[in-house]
Amino acid sequence: MMTIDMIALYAKCSKNNPLLHVGVITVLFIIFNCSVYLLLDEGDLLAFLGVIIPLPFFFLFSKSSEYKRKYLHK
């Protein structure tokens, strides 16, 4: 699972490089949406991986956001 070091490192990286953070979120959001479309409309079960893969990253984003609010305020 994710350690506090990984969460802290990503929180610092996203604070220092906000455009990179927005880019990563955008790419994961596009992957998720395309996979949901393929899964629902086409019935492609392999697209289920595109739904599962972004979930740990969303957990990382939420935990790093909490870390930034607690420890990296201005």
PDB file of N, CA and C in Angstrom:
ATOM      1  N   MET A   1       0.844  -1.179   0.000  1.00  0.00           N
ATOM      2  CA  MET A   1       0.000   0.000   0.000  1.00  0.00           C
ATOM      3  C   MET A   1       0.886   1.238   0.000  1.00  0.00           C
ATOM      4  N   MET A   2       0.284   2.364  -0.036  1.00  0.00           N
ATOM      5  CA  MET A   2       1.043   3.606  -0.094  1.00  0.00           C
ATOM      6  C   MET A   2       1.548   3.997   1.280  1.00  0.00           C
ATOM      7  N   THR A   3       2.783   4.432   1.312  1.00  0.00           N
ATOM      8  CA  THR A   3       3.365   4.857   2.578  1.00  0.00           C
ATOM      9  C   THR A   3       3.242   6.361   2.713  1.00  0.00           C
ATOM     10  N   ILE A   4       3.480   6.839   3.923  1.00  0.00           N
ATOM     11  CA  ILE A   4       3.411   8.281   4.176  1.00  0.00           C
ATOM     12  C   ILE A   4       4.498   9.014   3.400  1.00  0.00           C
ATOM     13  N   ASP A   5       5.633   8.335   3.137  1.00  0.00           N
ATOM     14  CA  ASP A   5       6.691   8.973   2.366  1.00  0.00           C
ATOM     15  C   ASP A   5       6.246   9.243   0.930  1.00  0.00           C
ATOM     16  N   MET A   6       5.547   8.299   0.343  1.00  0.00           N
ATOM     17  CA  MET A   6       5.060   8.468  -1.021  1.00  0.00           C
ATOM     18  C   MET A   6       4.030   9.594  -1.074  1.00  0.00           C
ATOM     19  N   ILE A   7       3.172   9.659  -0.084  1.00  0.00           N
ATOM     20  CA  ILE A   7       2.148  10.701  -0.036  1.00  0.00           C
ATOM     21  C   ILE A   7       2.796  12.063   0.151  1.00  0.00           C
ATOM     22  N   ALA A   8       3.770  12.150   1.045  1.00  0.00           N
ATOM     23  CA  ALA A   8       4.456  13.420   1.284  1.00  0.00           C
ATOM     24  C   ALA A   8       5.245  13.864   0.058  1.00  0.00           C
ATOM     25  N   LEU A   9       5.882  12.941  -0.614  1.00  0.00           N
ATOM     26  CA  LEU A   9       6.652  13.270  -1.808  1.00  0.00           C
ATOM     27  C   LEU A   9       5.745  13.788  -2.917  1.00  0.00           C
ATOM     28  N   TYR A  10       4.602  13.136  -3.122  1.00  0.00           N
ATOM     29  CA  TYR A  10       3.693  13.609  -4.162  1.00  0.00           C
ATOM     30  C   TYR A  10       3.073  14.949  -3.773  1.00  0.00           C
ATOM     31  N   ALA A  11       2.796  15.166  -2.492  1.00  0.00           N
ATOM     32  CA  ALA A  11       2.237  16.445  -2.049  1.00  0.00           C
ATOM     33  C   ALA A  11       3.214  17.583  -2.322  1.00  0.00           C
ATOM     34  N   LYS A  12       4.484  17.354  -2.046  1.00  0.00           N
ATOM     35  CA  LYS A  12       5.496  18.386  -2.313  1.00  0.00           C
ATOM     36  C   LYS A  12       5.656  18.621  -3.805  1.00  0.00           C
ATOM     37  N   CYS A  13       5.637  17.535  -4.573  1.00  0.00           N
ATOM     38  CA  CYS A  13       5.767  17.649  -6.030  1.00  0.00           C
ATOM     39  C   CYS A  13       4.580  18.400  -6.631  1.00  0.00           C
ATOM     40  N   SER A  14       3.378  18.099  -6.176  1.00  0.00           N
ATOM     41  CA  SER A  14       2.195  18.760  -6.728  1.00  0.00           C
ATOM     42  C   SER A  14       2.128  20.223  -6.309  1.00  0.00           C
ATOM     43  N   LYS A  15       2.703  20.542  -5.160  1.00  0.00           N
ATOM     44  CA  LYS A  15       2.739  21.952  -4.740  1.00  0.00           C
ATOM     45  C   LYS A  15       3.758  22.727  -5.563  1.00  0.00           C
ATOM     46  N   ASN A  16       4.891  22.107  -5.870  1.00  0.00           N
ATOM     47  CA  ASN A  16       5.925  22.780  -6.640  1.00  0.00           C
ATOM     48  C   ASN A  16       5.632  22.806  -8.137  1.00  0.00           C
ATOM     49  N   ASN A  17       4.883  21.826  -8.646  1.00  0.00           N
ATOM     50  CA  ASN A  17       4.574  21.716 -10.074  1.00  0.00           C
ATOM     51  C   ASN A  17       3.069  21.540 -10.269  1.00  0.00           C
ATOM     52  N   PRO A  18       2.289  22.595 -10.091  1.00  0.00           N
ATOM     53  CA  PRO A  18       0.834  22.433 -10.173  1.00  0.00           C
ATOM     54  C   PRO A  18       0.347  22.049 -11.569  1.00  0.00           C
ATOM     55  N   LEU A  19       1.018  22.476 -12.625  1.00  0.00           N
ATOM     56  CA  LEU A  19       0.582  22.120 -13.974  1.00  0.00           C
ATOM     57  C   LEU A  19       0.789  20.628 -14.249  1.00  0.00           C
ATOM     58  N   LEU A  20       1.862  20.080 -13.740  1.00  0.00           N
ATOM     59  CA  LEU A  20       2.092  18.646 -13.878  1.00  0.00           C
ATOM     60  C   LEU A  20       1.002  17.860 -13.149  1.00  0.00           C
ATOM     61  N   HIS A  21       0.632  18.328 -11.976  1.00  0.00           N
ATOM     62  CA  HIS A  21      -0.423  17.684 -11.190  1.00  0.00           C
ATOM     63  C   HIS A  21      -1.754  17.723 -11.949  1.00  0.00           C
ATOM     64  N   VAL A  22      -2.083  18.859 -12.522  1.00  0.00           N
ATOM     65  CA  VAL A  22      -3.326  18.980 -13.295  1.00  0.00           C
ATOM     66  C   VAL A  22      -3.273  18.065 -14.516  1.00  0.00           C
ATOM     67  N   GLY A  23      -2.101  17.961 -15.152  1.00  0.00           N
ATOM     68  CA  GLY A  23      -1.949  17.076 -16.300  1.00  0.00           C
ATOM     69  C   GLY A  23      -2.159  15.618 -15.946  1.00  0.00           C
ATOM     70  N   VAL A  24      -1.612  15.193 -14.817  1.00  0.00           N
ATOM     71  CA  VAL A  24      -1.766  13.803 -14.376  1.00  0.00           C
ATOM     72  C   VAL A  24      -3.237  13.508 -14.074  1.00  0.00           C
ATOM     73  N   ILE A  25      -3.894  14.422 -13.387  1.00  0.00           N
ATOM     74  CA  ILE A  25      -5.311  14.234 -13.077  1.00  0.00           C
ATOM     75  C   ILE A  25      -6.136  14.180 -14.355  1.00  0.00           C
ATOM     76  N   THR A  26      -5.819  15.030 -15.318  1.00  0.00           N
ATOM     77  CA  THR A  26      -6.555  15.055 -16.585  1.00  0.00           C
ATOM     78  C   THR A  26      -6.390  13.749 -17.347  1.00  0.00           C
ATOM     79  N   VAL A  27      -5.170  13.242 -17.421  1.00  0.00           N
ATOM     80  CA  VAL A  27      -4.921  11.978 -18.127  1.00  0.00           C
ATOM     81  C   VAL A  27      -5.683  10.827 -17.456  1.00  0.00           C
ATOM     82  N   LEU A  28      -5.632  10.756 -16.134  1.00  0.00           N
ATOM     83  CA  LEU A  28      -6.352   9.691 -15.427  1.00  0.00           C
ATOM     84  C   LEU A  28      -7.861   9.826 -15.597  1.00  0.00           C
ATOM     85  N   PHE A  29      -8.352  11.053 -15.623  1.00  0.00           N
ATOM     86  CA  PHE A  29      -9.779  11.281 -15.820  1.00  0.00           C
ATOM     87  C   PHE A  29     -10.214  10.839 -17.222  1.00  0.00           C
ATOM     88  N   ILE A  30      -9.391  11.128 -18.227  1.00  0.00           N
ATOM     89  CA  ILE A  30      -9.698  10.704 -19.596  1.00  0.00           C
ATOM     90  C   ILE A  30      -9.678   9.181 -19.701  1.00  0.00           C
ATOM     91  N   ILE A  31      -8.681   8.537 -19.111  1.00  0.00           N
ATOM     92  CA  ILE A  31      -8.605   7.072 -19.126  1.00  0.00           C
ATOM     93  C   ILE A  31      -9.843   6.469 -18.461  1.00  0.00           C
ATOM     94  N   PHE A  32     -10.219   7.023 -17.328  1.00  0.00           N
ATOM     95  CA  PHE A  32     -11.379   6.520 -16.597  1.00  0.00           C
ATOM     96  C   PHE A  32     -12.652   6.671 -17.425  1.00  0.00           C
ATOM     97  N   ASN A  33     -12.851   7.852 -18.009  1.00  0.00           N
ATOM     98  CA  ASN A  33     -14.073   8.098 -18.780  1.00  0.00           C
ATOM     99  C   ASN A  33     -14.141   7.246 -20.042  1.00  0.00           C
ATOM    100  N   CYS A  34     -13.041   7.109 -20.752  1.00  0.00           N
ATOM    101  CA  CYS A  34     -13.027   6.268 -21.955  1.00  0.00           C
ATOM    102  C   CYS A  34     -13.292   4.810 -21.596  1.00  0.00           C
ATOM    103  N   SER A  35     -12.740   4.361 -20.497  1.00  0.00           N
ATOM    104  CA  SER A  35     -12.942   2.978 -20.080  1.00  0.00           C
ATOM    105  C   SER A  35     -14.389   2.723 -19.669  1.00  0.00           C
ATOM    106  N   VAL A  36     -14.981   3.682 -18.988  1.00  0.00           N
ATOM    107  CA  VAL A  36     -16.388   3.530 -18.610  1.00  0.00           C
ATOM    108  C   VAL A  36     -17.262   3.495 -19.859  1.00  0.00           C
ATOM    109  N   TYR A  37     -16.959   4.341 -20.835  1.00  0.00           N
ATOM    110  CA  TYR A  37     -17.714   4.325 -22.090  1.00  0.00           C
ATOM    111  C   TYR A  37     -17.577   2.968 -22.787  1.00  0.00           C
ATOM    112  N   LEU A  38     -16.354   2.481 -22.908  1.00  0.00           N
ATOM    113  CA  LEU A  38     -16.144   1.192 -23.565  1.00  0.00           C
ATOM    114  C   LEU A  38     -16.826   0.056 -22.812  1.00  0.00           C
ATOM    115  N   LEU A  39     -16.806   0.147 -21.502  1.00  0.00           N
ATOM    116  CA  LEU A  39     -17.414  -0.897 -20.691  1.00  0.00           C
ATOM    117  C   LEU A  39     -18.932  -0.897 -20.831  1.00  0.00           C
ATOM    118  N   LEU A  40     -19.542   0.279 -20.797  1.00  0.00           N
ATOM    119  CA  LEU A  40     -21.000   0.356 -20.837  1.00  0.00           C
ATOM    120  C   LEU A  40     -21.571   0.230 -22.245  1.00  0.00           C
ATOM    121  N   ASP A  41     -20.957   0.902 -23.196  1.00  0.00           N
ATOM    122  CA  ASP A  41     -21.523   0.933 -24.539  1.00  0.00           C
ATOM    123  C   ASP A  41     -21.101  -0.272 -25.374  1.00  0.00           C
ATOM    124  N   GLU A  42     -19.833  -0.581 -25.360  1.00  0.00           N
ATOM    125  CA  GLU A  42     -19.313  -1.664 -26.191  1.00  0.00           C
ATOM    126  C   GLU A  42     -19.342  -3.024 -25.495  1.00  0.00           C
ATOM    127  N   GLY A  43     -19.407  -3.024 -24.184  1.00  0.00           N
ATOM    128  CA  GLY A  43     -19.389  -4.274 -23.434  1.00  0.00           C
ATOM    129  C   GLY A  43     -18.012  -4.918 -23.390  1.00  0.00           C
ATOM    130  N   ASP A  44     -16.981  -4.114 -23.574  1.00  0.00           N
ATOM    131  CA  ASP A  44     -15.597  -4.604 -23.579  1.00  0.00           C
ATOM    132  C   ASP A  44     -15.130  -4.786 -22.133  1.00  0.00           C
ATOM    133  N   LEU A  45     -15.022  -6.029 -21.692  1.00  0.00           N
ATOM    134  CA  LEU A  45     -14.660  -6.293 -20.302  1.00  0.00           C
ATOM    135  C   LEU A  45     -13.214  -5.946 -19.987  1.00  0.00           C
ATOM    136  N   LEU A  46     -12.361  -5.897 -20.998  1.00  0.00           N
ATOM    137  CA  LEU A  46     -10.976  -5.507 -20.767  1.00  0.00           C
ATOM    138  C   LEU A  46     -10.881  -4.034 -20.355  1.00  0.00           C
ATOM    139  N   ALA A  47     -11.881  -3.249 -20.724  1.00  0.00           N
ATOM    140  CA  ALA A  47     -11.910  -1.843 -20.336  1.00  0.00           C
ATOM    141  C   ALA A  47     -12.095  -1.678 -18.835  1.00  0.00           C
ATOM    142  N   PHE A  48     -12.476  -2.734 -18.157  1.00  0.00           N
ATOM    143  CA  PHE A  48     -12.629  -2.673 -16.699  1.00  0.00           C
ATOM    144  C   PHE A  48     -11.304  -2.333 -16.019  1.00  0.00           C
ATOM    145  N   LEU A  49     -10.189  -2.712 -16.648  1.00  0.00           N
ATOM    146  CA  LEU A  49      -8.872  -2.357 -16.098  1.00  0.00           C
ATOM    147  C   LEU A  49      -8.681  -0.844 -16.057  1.00  0.00           C
ATOM    148  N   GLY A  50      -9.204  -0.146 -17.046  1.00  0.00           N
ATOM    149  CA  GLY A  50      -9.111   1.309 -17.068  1.00  0.00           C
ATOM    150  C   GLY A  50      -9.939   1.972 -15.998  1.00  0.00           C
ATOM    151  N   VAL A  51     -10.887   1.240 -15.441  1.00  0.00           N
ATOM    152  CA  VAL A  51     -11.677   1.759 -14.329  1.00  0.00           C
ATOM    153  C   VAL A  51     -10.955   1.495 -13.015  1.00  0.00           C
ATOM    154  N   ILE A  52     -10.285   0.355 -12.914  1.00  0.00           N
ATOM    155  CA  ILE A  52      -9.621  -0.031 -11.667  1.00  0.00           C
ATOM    156  C   ILE A  52      -8.273   0.671 -11.490  1.00  0.00           C
ATOM    157  N   ILE A  53      -7.519   0.822 -12.563  1.00  0.00           N
ATOM    158  CA  ILE A  53      -6.156   1.371 -12.459  1.00  0.00           C
ATOM    159  C   ILE A  53      -6.106   2.783 -11.858  1.00  0.00           C
ATOM    160  N   PRO A  54      -6.994   3.716 -12.206  1.00  0.00           N
ATOM    161  CA  PRO A  54      -6.900   5.057 -11.608  1.00  0.00           C
ATOM    162  C   PRO A  54      -7.278   5.138 -10.131  1.00  0.00           C
ATOM    163  N   LEU A  55      -7.948   4.136  -9.590  1.00  0.00           N
ATOM    164  CA  LEU A  55      -8.417   4.225  -8.204  1.00  0.00           C
ATOM    165  C   LEU A  55      -7.302   4.438  -7.180  1.00  0.00           C
ATOM    166  N   PRO A  56      -6.170   3.714  -7.230  1.00  0.00           N
ATOM    167  CA  PRO A  56      -5.108   4.004  -6.252  1.00  0.00           C
ATOM    168  C   PRO A  56      -4.538   5.423  -6.402  1.00  0.00           C
ATOM    169  N   PHE A  57      -4.540   5.923  -7.633  1.00  0.00           N
ATOM    170  CA  PHE A  57      -4.042   7.288  -7.832  1.00  0.00           C
ATOM    171  C   PHE A  57      -4.990   8.309  -7.213  1.00  0.00           C
ATOM    172  N   PHE A  58      -6.301   8.069  -7.320  1.00  0.00           N
ATOM    173  CA  PHE A  58      -7.253   8.983  -6.687  1.00  0.00           C
ATOM    174  C   PHE A  58      -7.091   8.960  -5.171  1.00  0.00           C
ATOM    175  N   PHE A  59      -6.789   7.793  -4.613  1.00  0.00           N
ATOM    176  CA  PHE A  59      -6.505   7.697  -3.177  1.00  0.00           C
ATOM    177  C   PHE A  59      -5.241   8.499  -2.840  1.00  0.00           C
ATOM    178  N   LEU A  60      -4.224   8.379  -3.681  1.00  0.00           N
ATOM    179  CA  LEU A  60      -2.986   9.135  -3.475  1.00  0.00           C
ATOM    180  C   LEU A  60      -3.251  10.633  -3.524  1.00  0.00           C
ATOM    181  N   PHE A  61      -4.059  11.078  -4.478  1.00  0.00           N
ATOM    182  CA  PHE A  61      -4.372  12.500  -4.585  1.00  0.00           C
ATOM    183  C   PHE A  61      -5.108  13.010  -3.354  1.00  0.00           C
ATOM    184  N   SER A  62      -6.042  12.239  -2.840  1.00  0.00           N
ATOM    185  CA  SER A  62      -6.795  12.690  -1.667  1.00  0.00           C
ATOM    186  C   SER A  62      -5.910  12.750  -0.430  1.00  0.00           C
ATOM    187  N   LYS A  63      -5.062  11.744  -0.251  1.00  0.00           N
ATOM    188  CA  LYS A  63      -4.173  11.748   0.921  1.00  0.00           C
ATOM    189  C   LYS A  63      -3.120  12.847   0.820  1.00  0.00           C
ATOM    190  N   SER A  64      -2.601  13.097  -0.394  1.00  0.00           N
ATOM    191  CA  SER A  64      -1.600  14.159  -0.533  1.00  0.00           C
ATOM    192  C   SER A  64      -2.246  15.529  -0.345  1.00  0.00           C
ATOM    193  N   SER A  65      -3.511  15.666  -0.695  1.00  0.00           N
ATOM    194  CA  SER A  65      -4.218  16.920  -0.448  1.00  0.00           C
ATOM    195  C   SER A  65      -4.373  17.174   1.047  1.00  0.00           C
ATOM    196  N   GLU A  66      -4.717  16.125   1.789  1.00  0.00           N
ATOM    197  CA  GLU A  66      -4.790  16.257   3.245  1.00  0.00           C
ATOM    198  C   GLU A  66      -3.425  16.618   3.829  1.00  0.00           C
ATOM    199  N   TYR A  67      -2.370  15.995   3.313  1.00  0.00           N
ATOM    200  CA  TYR A  67      -1.016  16.270   3.791  1.00  0.00           C
ATOM    201  C   TYR A  67      -0.640  17.722   3.519  1.00  0.00           C
ATOM    202  N   LYS A  68      -0.981  18.219   2.326  1.00  0.00           N
ATOM    203  CA  LYS A  68      -0.665  19.610   1.989  1.00  0.00           C
ATOM    204  C   LYS A  68      -1.400  20.569   2.911  1.00  0.00           C
ATOM    205  N   ARG A  69      -2.668  20.283   3.196  1.00  0.00           N
ATOM    206  CA  ARG A  69      -3.430  21.161   4.078  1.00  0.00           C
ATOM    207  C   ARG A  69      -2.852  21.185   5.481  1.00  0.00           C
ATOM    208  N   LYS A  70      -2.376  20.046   5.972  1.00  0.00           N
ATOM    209  CA  LYS A  70      -1.866  19.976   7.338  1.00  0.00           C
ATOM    210  C   LYS A  70      -0.448  20.540   7.479  1.00  0.00           C
ATOM    211  N   TYR A  71       0.444  20.163   6.542  1.00  0.00           N
ATOM    212  CA  TYR A  71       1.869  20.405   6.775  1.00  0.00           C
ATOM    213  C   TYR A  71       2.536  21.368   5.804  1.00  0.00           C
ATOM    214  N   LEU A  72       1.946  21.630   4.671  1.00  0.00           N
ATOM    215  CA  LEU A  72       2.620  22.478   3.679  1.00  0.00           C
ATOM    216  C   LEU A  72       1.913  23.810   3.450  1.00  0.00           C
ATOM    217  N   HIS A  73       1.236  24.314   4.442  1.00  0.00           N
ATOM    218  CA  HIS A  73       0.564  25.589   4.264  1.00  0.00           C
ATOM    219  C   HIS A  73       1.601  26.709   4.189  1.00  0.00           C
ATOM    220  N   LYS A  74       1.160  27.846   3.699  1.00  0.00           N
ATOM    221  CA  LYS A  74       2.103  28.961   3.466  1.00  0.00           C
ATOM    222  C   LYS A  74       2.499  29.684   4.710  1.00  0.00           C
TER     223      LYS A  74
END
